[in-house]
Amino acid sequence: MLLPAKSEVARQLRRYRAWERSMLASPADVGVRSTFEDSGYTLCVLMGKRCAREAADAAERYLRTNLVTHAQEQADLIAPAGRKTPSGAA
């Protein structure tokens, strides 16, 4: 599994949060809203999520964990413990 560099995740998360604050301060500003949405999209692509809020949460979790822990969490999301995978393996 390819994982993004933590430094890039941290940079994009800071950018997203900064634009989020700006958008909340000026919700009618079309330019601010557009840039906020662009930063959310970038975070979604980086974290492999469909929703910017989910991507931000995933980025925060990723930055708190080490590589092994993150890989295990992702595997648990795909096939939770005790559930059979399509191949029949646990």
PDB file of N, CA and C in Angstrom:
ATOM      1  N   MET A   1       0.850  -1.174   0.000  1.00  0.00           N
ATOM      2  CA  MET A   1       0.000   0.000   0.000  1.00  0.00           C
ATOM      3  C   MET A   1       0.896   1.237   0.000  1.00  0.00           C
ATOM      4  N   LEU A   2       0.644   2.130  -0.898  1.00  0.00           N
ATOM      5  CA  LEU A   2       1.380   3.389  -0.951  1.00  0.00           C
ATOM      6  C   LEU A   2       0.756   4.388   0.014  1.00  0.00           C
ATOM      7  N   LEU A   3       1.587   4.997   0.828  1.00  0.00           N
ATOM      8  CA  LEU A   3       1.107   6.001   1.775  1.00  0.00           C
ATOM      9  C   LEU A   3       1.790   7.328   1.485  1.00  0.00           C
ATOM     10  N   PRO A   4       1.073   8.424   1.642  1.00  0.00           N
ATOM     11  CA  PRO A   4       1.674   9.727   1.392  1.00  0.00           C
ATOM     12  C   PRO A   4       2.680  10.081   2.486  1.00  0.00           C
ATOM     13  N   ALA A   5       3.605  10.942   2.162  1.00  0.00           N
ATOM     14  CA  ALA A   5       4.581  11.425   3.144  1.00  0.00           C
ATOM     15  C   ALA A   5       3.838  12.188   4.235  1.00  0.00           C
ATOM     16  N   LYS A   6       4.212  11.924   5.471  1.00  0.00           N
ATOM     17  CA  LYS A   6       3.538  12.594   6.586  1.00  0.00           C
ATOM     18  C   LYS A   6       3.707  14.112   6.507  1.00  0.00           C
ATOM     19  N   SER A   7       4.850  14.564   6.012  1.00  0.00           N
ATOM     20  CA  SER A   7       5.062  16.014   5.896  1.00  0.00           C
ATOM     21  C   SER A   7       4.061  16.634   4.928  1.00  0.00           C
ATOM     22  N   GLU A   8       3.747  15.918   3.837  1.00  0.00           N
ATOM     23  CA  GLU A   8       2.772  16.428   2.862  1.00  0.00           C
ATOM     24  C   GLU A   8       1.361  16.389   3.438  1.00  0.00           C
ATOM     25  N   VAL A   9       1.037  15.324   4.163  1.00  0.00           N
ATOM     26  CA  VAL A   9      -0.275  15.224   4.798  1.00  0.00           C
ATOM     27  C   VAL A   9      -0.444  16.374   5.789  1.00  0.00           C
ATOM     28  N   ALA A  10       0.584  16.627   6.592  1.00  0.00           N
ATOM     29  CA  ALA A  10       0.520  17.708   7.579  1.00  0.00           C
ATOM     30  C   ALA A  10       0.344  19.060   6.890  1.00  0.00           C
ATOM     31  N   ARG A  11       1.079  19.261   5.801  1.00  0.00           N
ATOM     32  CA  ARG A  11       0.978  20.538   5.068  1.00  0.00           C
ATOM     33  C   ARG A  11      -0.416  20.734   4.494  1.00  0.00           C
ATOM     34  N   GLN A  12      -0.961  19.693   3.867  1.00  0.00           N
ATOM     35  CA  GLN A  12      -2.292  19.810   3.269  1.00  0.00           C
ATOM     36  C   GLN A  12      -3.378  19.951   4.333  1.00  0.00           C
ATOM     37  N   LEU A  13      -3.211  19.276   5.461  1.00  0.00           N
ATOM     38  CA  LEU A  13      -4.178  19.404   6.544  1.00  0.00           C
ATOM     39  C   LEU A  13      -4.159  20.820   7.113  1.00  0.00           C
ATOM     40  N   ARG A  14      -2.980  21.399   7.299  1.00  0.00           N
ATOM     41  CA  ARG A  14      -2.880  22.803   7.771  1.00  0.00           C
ATOM     42  C   ARG A  14      -3.555  23.741   6.776  1.00  0.00           C
ATOM     43  N   ARG A  15      -3.318  23.511   5.490  1.00  0.00           N
ATOM     44  CA  ARG A  15      -3.920  24.338   4.444  1.00  0.00           C
ATOM     45  C   ARG A  15      -5.448  24.229   4.485  1.00  0.00           C
ATOM     46  N   TYR A  16      -5.941  23.010   4.582  1.00  0.00           N
ATOM     47  CA  TYR A  16      -7.387  22.788   4.650  1.00  0.00           C
ATOM     48  C   TYR A  16      -7.989  23.495   5.857  1.00  0.00           C
ATOM     49  N   ARG A  17      -7.374  23.337   7.031  1.00  0.00           N
ATOM     50  CA  ARG A  17      -7.901  23.963   8.255  1.00  0.00           C
ATOM     51  C   ARG A  17      -7.859  25.490   8.166  1.00  0.00           C
ATOM     52  N   ALA A  18      -6.810  26.033   7.574  1.00  0.00           N
ATOM     53  CA  ALA A  18      -6.711  27.495   7.422  1.00  0.00           C
ATOM     54  C   ALA A  18      -7.830  28.018   6.513  1.00  0.00           C
ATOM     55  N   TRP A  19      -8.058  27.333   5.393  1.00  0.00           N
ATOM     56  CA  TRP A  19      -9.126  27.763   4.488  1.00  0.00           C
ATOM     57  C   TRP A  19     -10.498  27.511   5.082  1.00  0.00           C
ATOM     58  N   GLU A  20     -10.616  26.491   5.907  1.00  0.00           N
ATOM     59  CA  GLU A  20     -11.875  26.227   6.602  1.00  0.00           C
ATOM     60  C   GLU A  20     -12.221  27.406   7.520  1.00  0.00           C
ATOM     61  N   ARG A  21     -11.231  27.879   8.265  1.00  0.00           N
ATOM     62  CA  ARG A  21     -11.457  29.047   9.145  1.00  0.00           C
ATOM     63  C   ARG A  21     -11.829  30.278   8.329  1.00  0.00           C
ATOM     64  N   SER A  22     -11.138  30.483   7.204  1.00  0.00           N
ATOM     65  CA  SER A  22     -11.438  31.639   6.347  1.00  0.00           C
ATOM     66  C   SER A  22     -12.845  31.545   5.768  1.00  0.00           C
ATOM     67  N   MET A  23     -13.236  30.350   5.358  1.00  0.00           N
ATOM     68  CA  MET A  23     -14.565  30.162   4.773  1.00  0.00           C
ATOM     69  C   MET A  23     -15.655  30.388   5.818  1.00  0.00           C
ATOM     70  N   LEU A  24     -15.408  29.915   7.044  1.00  0.00           N
ATOM     71  CA  LEU A  24     -16.394  30.127   8.099  1.00  0.00           C
ATOM     72  C   LEU A  24     -16.502  31.607   8.477  1.00  0.00           C
ATOM     73  N   ALA A  25     -15.401  32.335   8.350  1.00  0.00           N
ATOM     74  CA  ALA A  25     -15.406  33.774   8.649  1.00  0.00           C
ATOM     75  C   ALA A  25     -16.072  34.575   7.529  1.00  0.00           C
ATOM     76  N   SER A  26     -15.962  34.089   6.290  1.00  0.00           N
ATOM     77  CA  SER A  26     -16.526  34.809   5.131  1.00  0.00           C
ATOM     78  C   SER A  26     -17.261  33.839   4.213  1.00  0.00           C
ATOM     79  N   PRO A  27     -18.392  33.304   4.650  1.00  0.00           N
ATOM     80  CA  PRO A  27     -19.084  32.280   3.846  1.00  0.00           C
ATOM     81  C   PRO A  27     -19.605  32.769   2.494  1.00  0.00           C
ATOM     82  N   ALA A  28     -19.786  34.063   2.349  1.00  0.00           N
ATOM     83  CA  ALA A  28     -20.307  34.580   1.086  1.00  0.00           C
ATOM     84  C   ALA A  28     -19.203  34.840   0.065  1.00  0.00           C
ATOM     85  N   ASP A  29     -17.962  34.765   0.477  1.00  0.00           N
ATOM     86  CA  ASP A  29     -16.836  35.027  -0.422  1.00  0.00           C
ATOM     87  C   ASP A  29     -16.616  33.808  -1.319  1.00  0.00           C
ATOM     88  N   VAL A  30     -16.949  33.958  -2.596  1.00  0.00           N
ATOM     89  CA  VAL A  30     -16.885  32.848  -3.545  1.00  0.00           C
ATOM     90  C   VAL A  30     -15.454  32.352  -3.730  1.00  0.00           C
ATOM     91  N   GLY A  31     -14.496  33.261  -3.744  1.00  0.00           N
ATOM     92  CA  GLY A  31     -13.094  32.871  -3.915  1.00  0.00           C
ATOM     93  C   GLY A  31     -12.584  32.049  -2.748  1.00  0.00           C
ATOM     94  N   VAL A  32     -12.935  32.456  -1.550  1.00  0.00           N
ATOM     95  CA  VAL A  32     -12.527  31.725  -0.351  1.00  0.00           C
ATOM     96  C   VAL A  32     -13.174  30.344  -0.346  1.00  0.00           C
ATOM     97  N   ARG A  33     -14.456  30.303  -0.649  1.00  0.00           N
ATOM     98  CA  ARG A  33     -15.167  29.013  -0.666  1.00  0.00           C
ATOM     99  C   ARG A  33     -14.553  28.075  -1.714  1.00  0.00           C
ATOM    100  N   SER A  34     -14.244  28.600  -2.874  1.00  0.00           N
ATOM    101  CA  SER A  34     -13.660  27.790  -3.939  1.00  0.00           C
ATOM    102  C   SER A  34     -12.298  27.221  -3.517  1.00  0.00           C
ATOM    103  N   THR A  35     -11.469  28.057  -2.911  1.00  0.00           N
ATOM    104  CA  THR A  35     -10.153  27.600  -2.473  1.00  0.00           C
ATOM    105  C   THR A  35     -10.286  26.581  -1.342  1.00  0.00           C
ATOM    106  N   PHE A  36     -11.253  26.790  -0.447  1.00  0.00           N
ATOM    107  CA  PHE A  36     -11.514  25.829   0.622  1.00  0.00           C
ATOM    108  C   PHE A  36     -11.915  24.480   0.026  1.00  0.00           C
ATOM    109  N   GLU A  37     -12.815  24.497  -0.948  1.00  0.00           N
ATOM    110  CA  GLU A  37     -13.246  23.257  -1.584  1.00  0.00           C
ATOM    111  C   GLU A  37     -12.092  22.574  -2.322  1.00  0.00           C
ATOM    112  N   ASP A  38     -11.234  23.365  -2.963  1.00  0.00           N
ATOM    113  CA  ASP A  38     -10.061  22.801  -3.632  1.00  0.00           C
ATOM    114  C   ASP A  38      -9.131  22.131  -2.624  1.00  0.00           C
ATOM    115  N   SER A  39      -8.930  22.766  -1.476  1.00  0.00           N
ATOM    116  CA  SER A  39      -8.046  22.182  -0.467  1.00  0.00           C
ATOM    117  C   SER A  39      -8.662  20.897   0.091  1.00  0.00           C
ATOM    118  N   GLY A  40      -9.973  20.866   0.218  1.00  0.00           N
ATOM    119  CA  GLY A  40     -10.651  19.650   0.659  1.00  0.00           C
ATOM    120  C   GLY A  40     -10.506  18.532  -0.352  1.00  0.00           C
ATOM    121  N   TYR A  41     -10.635  18.869  -1.622  1.00  0.00           N
ATOM    122  CA  TYR A  41     -10.473  17.869  -2.684  1.00  0.00           C
ATOM    123  C   TYR A  41      -9.060  17.277  -2.661  1.00  0.00           C
ATOM    124  N   THR A  42      -8.064  18.152  -2.515  1.00  0.00           N
ATOM    125  CA  THR A  42      -6.678  17.687  -2.462  1.00  0.00           C
ATOM    126  C   THR A  42      -6.479  16.721  -1.302  1.00  0.00           C
ATOM    127  N   LEU A  43      -7.042  17.054  -0.147  1.00  0.00           N
ATOM    128  CA  LEU A  43      -6.930  16.190   1.022  1.00  0.00           C
ATOM    129  C   LEU A  43      -7.650  14.852   0.776  1.00  0.00           C
ATOM    130  N   CYS A  44      -8.793  14.887   0.099  1.00  0.00           N
ATOM    131  CA  CYS A  44      -9.519  13.655  -0.242  1.00  0.00           C
ATOM    132  C   CYS A  44      -8.668  12.737  -1.114  1.00  0.00           C
ATOM    133  N   VAL A  45      -8.049  13.301  -2.134  1.00  0.00           N
ATOM    134  CA  VAL A  45      -7.211  12.507  -3.037  1.00  0.00           C
ATOM    135  C   VAL A  45      -6.026  11.939  -2.271  1.00  0.00           C
ATOM    136  N   LEU A  46      -5.399  12.749  -1.459  1.00  0.00           N
ATOM    137  CA  LEU A  46      -4.227  12.327  -0.702  1.00  0.00           C
ATOM    138  C   LEU A  46      -4.547  11.197   0.265  1.00  0.00           C
ATOM    139  N   MET A  47      -5.721  11.272   0.904  1.00  0.00           N
ATOM    140  CA  MET A  47      -6.077  10.295   1.929  1.00  0.00           C
ATOM    141  C   MET A  47      -6.987   9.176   1.417  1.00  0.00           C
ATOM    142  N   GLY A  48      -7.403   9.256   0.155  1.00  0.00           N
ATOM    143  CA  GLY A  48      -8.243   8.212  -0.418  1.00  0.00           C
ATOM    144  C   GLY A  48      -9.657   8.200   0.158  1.00  0.00           C
ATOM    145  N   LYS A  49     -10.204   9.374   0.425  1.00  0.00           N
ATOM    146  CA  LYS A  49     -11.554   9.489   0.990  1.00  0.00           C
ATOM    147  C   LYS A  49     -12.437  10.261   0.026  1.00  0.00           C
ATOM    148  N   ARG A  50     -13.753  10.113   0.188  1.00  0.00           N
ATOM    149  CA  ARG A  50     -14.704  10.781  -0.696  1.00  0.00           C
ATOM    150  C   ARG A  50     -15.209  12.099  -0.128  1.00  0.00           C
ATOM    151  N   CYS A  51     -15.028  12.306   1.141  1.00  0.00           N
ATOM    152  CA  CYS A  51     -15.567  13.481   1.825  1.00  0.00           C
ATOM    153  C   CYS A  51     -14.412  14.206   2.515  1.00  0.00           C
ATOM    154  N   ALA A  52     -14.380  15.534   2.401  1.00  0.00           N
ATOM    155  CA  ALA A  52     -13.288  16.311   2.986  1.00  0.00           C
ATOM    156  C   ALA A  52     -13.212  16.143   4.497  1.00  0.00           C
ATOM    157  N   ARG A  53     -14.346  16.082   5.147  1.00  0.00           N
ATOM    158  CA  ARG A  53     -14.334  15.893   6.610  1.00  0.00           C
ATOM    159  C   ARG A  53     -13.729  14.541   6.974  1.00  0.00           C
ATOM    160  N   GLU A  54     -14.091  13.492   6.245  1.00  0.00           N
ATOM    161  CA  GLU A  54     -13.499  12.170   6.473  1.00  0.00           C
ATOM    162  C   GLU A  54     -11.995  12.203   6.189  1.00  0.00           C
ATOM    163  N   ALA A  55     -11.608  12.909   5.141  1.00  0.00           N
ATOM    164  CA  ALA A  55     -10.194  13.007   4.777  1.00  0.00           C
ATOM    165  C   ALA A  55      -9.406  13.733   5.870  1.00  0.00           C
ATOM    166  N   ALA A  56      -9.976  14.792   6.420  1.00  0.00           N
ATOM    167  CA  ALA A  56      -9.305  15.523   7.497  1.00  0.00           C
ATOM    168  C   ALA A  56      -9.157  14.638   8.727  1.00  0.00           C
ATOM    169  N   ASP A  57     -10.199  13.892   9.059  1.00  0.00           N
ATOM    170  CA  ASP A  57     -10.128  12.960  10.197  1.00  0.00           C
ATOM    171  C   ASP A  57      -9.072  11.891   9.944  1.00  0.00           C
ATOM    172  N   ALA A  58      -9.060  11.347   8.735  1.00  0.00           N
ATOM    173  CA  ALA A  58      -8.081  10.316   8.387  1.00  0.00           C
ATOM    174  C   ALA A  58      -6.662  10.874   8.441  1.00  0.00           C
ATOM    175  N   ALA A  59      -6.483  12.102   7.987  1.00  0.00           N
ATOM    176  CA  ALA A  59      -5.159  12.733   8.024  1.00  0.00           C
ATOM    177  C   ALA A  59      -4.694  12.911   9.470  1.00  0.00           C
ATOM    178  N   GLU A  60      -5.591  13.347  10.333  1.00  0.00           N
ATOM    179  CA  GLU A  60      -5.227  13.521  11.741  1.00  0.00           C
ATOM    180  C   GLU A  60      -4.855  12.182  12.374  1.00  0.00           C
ATOM    181  N   ARG A  61      -5.617  11.130  12.076  1.00  0.00           N
ATOM    182  CA  ARG A  61      -5.286   9.799  12.608  1.00  0.00           C
ATOM    183  C   ARG A  61      -3.938   9.331  12.072  1.00  0.00           C
ATOM    184  N   TYR A  62      -3.722   9.515  10.786  1.00  0.00           N
ATOM    185  CA  TYR A  62      -2.477   9.096  10.141  1.00  0.00           C
ATOM    186  C   TYR A  62      -1.274   9.795  10.770  1.00  0.00           C
ATOM    187  N   LEU A  63      -1.417  11.072  11.044  1.00  0.00           N
ATOM    188  CA  LEU A  63      -0.308  11.821  11.625  1.00  0.00           C
ATOM    189  C   LEU A  63      -0.020  11.408  13.070  1.00  0.00           C
ATOM    190  N   ARG A  64      -1.025  10.859  13.760  1.00  0.00           N
ATOM    191  CA  ARG A  64      -0.837  10.409  15.145  1.00  0.00           C
ATOM    192  C   ARG A  64      -0.253   9.002  15.238  1.00  0.00           C
ATOM    193  N   THR A  65      -0.301   8.237  14.154  1.00  0.00           N
ATOM    194  CA  THR A  65       0.092   6.831  14.210  1.00  0.00           C
ATOM    195  C   THR A  65       1.405   6.588  13.491  1.00  0.00           C
ATOM    196  N   ASN A  66       1.955   5.393  13.736  1.00  0.00           N
ATOM    197  CA  ASN A  66       3.114   4.984  12.956  1.00  0.00           C
ATOM    198  C   ASN A  66       2.628   4.178  11.756  1.00  0.00           C
ATOM    199  N   LEU A  67       3.528   3.783  10.903  1.00  0.00           N
ATOM    200  CA  LEU A  67       3.175   3.111   9.652  1.00  0.00           C
ATOM    201  C   LEU A  67       2.446   1.789   9.900  1.00  0.00           C
ATOM    202  N   VAL A  68       2.932   0.981  10.842  1.00  0.00           N
ATOM    203  CA  VAL A  68       2.330  -0.329  11.108  1.00  0.00           C
ATOM    204  C   VAL A  68       0.914  -0.166  11.651  1.00  0.00           C
ATOM    205  N   THR A  69       0.727   0.746  12.596  1.00  0.00           N
ATOM    206  CA  THR A  69      -0.592   0.979  13.181  1.00  0.00           C
ATOM    207  C   THR A  69      -1.574   1.446  12.108  1.00  0.00           C
ATOM    208  N   HIS A  70      -1.137   2.355  11.251  1.00  0.00           N
ATOM    209  CA  HIS A  70      -2.005   2.864  10.191  1.00  0.00           C
ATOM    210  C   HIS A  70      -2.415   1.744   9.239  1.00  0.00           C
ATOM    211  N   ALA A  71      -1.463   0.901   8.851  1.00  0.00           N
ATOM    212  CA  ALA A  71      -1.772  -0.201   7.942  1.00  0.00           C
ATOM    213  C   ALA A  71      -2.777  -1.159   8.583  1.00  0.00           C
ATOM    214  N   GLN A  72      -2.623  -1.420   9.883  1.00  0.00           N
ATOM    215  CA  GLN A  72      -3.546  -2.310  10.571  1.00  0.00           C
ATOM    216  C   GLN A  72      -4.943  -1.701  10.631  1.00  0.00           C
ATOM    217  N   GLU A  73      -5.034  -0.388  10.920  1.00  0.00           N
ATOM    218  CA  GLU A  73      -6.337   0.284  10.957  1.00  0.00           C
ATOM    219  C   GLU A  73      -7.025   0.202   9.599  1.00  0.00           C
ATOM    220  N   GLN A  74      -6.275   0.396   8.533  1.00  0.00           N
ATOM    221  CA  GLN A  74      -6.857   0.325   7.196  1.00  0.00           C
ATOM    222  C   GLN A  74      -7.337  -1.090   6.898  1.00  0.00           C
ATOM    223  N   ALA A  75      -6.565  -2.094   7.293  1.00  0.00           N
ATOM    224  CA  ALA A  75      -6.974  -3.479   7.080  1.00  0.00           C
ATOM    225  C   ALA A  75      -8.242  -3.790   7.864  1.00  0.00           C
ATOM    226  N   ASP A  76      -8.352  -3.263   9.081  1.00  0.00           N
ATOM    227  CA  ASP A  76      -9.546  -3.477   9.894  1.00  0.00           C
ATOM    228  C   ASP A  76     -10.769  -2.822   9.271  1.00  0.00           C
ATOM    229  N   LEU A  77     -10.580  -1.698   8.599  1.00  0.00           N
ATOM    230  CA  LEU A  77     -11.705  -1.040   7.927  1.00  0.00           C
ATOM    231  C   LEU A  77     -12.205  -1.875   6.761  1.00  0.00           C
ATOM    232  N   ILE A  78     -11.277  -2.553   6.103  1.00  0.00           N
ATOM    233  CA  ILE A  78     -11.643  -3.359   4.942  1.00  0.00           C
ATOM    234  C   ILE A  78     -12.287  -4.668   5.386  1.00  0.00           C
ATOM    235  N   ALA A  79     -11.692  -5.357   6.357  1.00  0.00           N
ATOM    236  CA  ALA A  79     -12.208  -6.643   6.841  1.00  0.00           C
ATOM    237  C   ALA A  79     -12.132  -6.658   8.368  1.00  0.00           C
ATOM    238  N   PRO A  80     -13.165  -6.155   9.052  1.00  0.00           N
ATOM    239  CA  PRO A  80     -13.149  -6.114  10.517  1.00  0.00           C
ATOM    240  C   PRO A  80     -12.883  -7.494  11.126  1.00  0.00           C
ATOM    241  N   ALA A  81     -12.282  -7.500  12.304  1.00  0.00           N
ATOM    242  CA  ALA A  81     -11.925  -8.751  12.992  1.00  0.00           C
ATOM    243  C   ALA A  81     -13.149  -9.653  13.129  1.00  0.00           C
ATOM    244  N   GLY A  82     -12.949 -10.931  12.880  1.00  0.00           N
ATOM    245  CA  GLY A  82     -14.037 -11.887  13.016  1.00  0.00           C
ATOM    246  C   GLY A  82     -14.880 -12.047  11.775  1.00  0.00           C
ATOM    247  N   ARG A  83     -14.709 -11.171  10.801  1.00  0.00           N
ATOM    248  CA  ARG A  83     -15.472 -11.280   9.554  1.00  0.00           C
ATOM    249  C   ARG A  83     -14.659 -11.991   8.510  1.00  0.00           C
ATOM    250  N   LYS A  84     -15.298 -12.794   7.745  1.00  0.00           N
ATOM    251  CA  LYS A  84     -14.617 -13.518   6.678  1.00  0.00           C
ATOM    252  C   LYS A  84     -14.424 -12.614   5.478  1.00  0.00           C
ATOM    253  N   THR A  85     -13.264 -12.711   4.839  1.00  0.00           N
ATOM    254  CA  THR A  85     -13.022 -11.999   3.602  1.00  0.00           C
ATOM    255  C   THR A  85     -13.623 -12.806   2.463  1.00  0.00           C
ATOM    256  N   PRO A  86     -13.754 -12.239   1.273  1.00  0.00           N
ATOM    257  CA  PRO A  86     -14.348 -12.975   0.159  1.00  0.00           C
ATOM    258  C   PRO A  86     -13.636 -14.295  -0.143  1.00  0.00           C
ATOM    259  N   SER A  87     -12.337 -14.375   0.153  1.00  0.00           N
ATOM    260  CA  SER A  87     -11.601 -15.614  -0.141  1.00  0.00           C
ATOM    261  C   SER A  87     -11.853 -16.685   0.918  1.00  0.00           C
ATOM    262  N   GLY A  88     -12.526 -16.326   2.023  1.00  0.00           N
ATOM    263  CA  GLY A  88     -12.816 -17.272   3.082  1.00  0.00           C
ATOM    264  C   GLY A  88     -11.826 -17.218   4.225  1.00  0.00           C
ATOM    265  N   ALA A  89     -10.740 -16.483   4.045  1.00  0.00           N
ATOM    266  CA  ALA A  89      -9.748 -16.349   5.118  1.00  0.00           C
ATOM    267  C   ALA A  89     -10.256 -15.369   6.156  1.00  0.00           C
ATOM    268  N   ALA A  90      -9.832 -15.533   7.412  1.00  0.00           N
ATOM    269  CA  ALA A  90     -10.268 -14.640   8.482  1.00  0.00           C
ATOM    270  C   ALA A  90      -9.458 -13.379   8.487  1.00  0.00           C
TER     271      ALA A  90
END
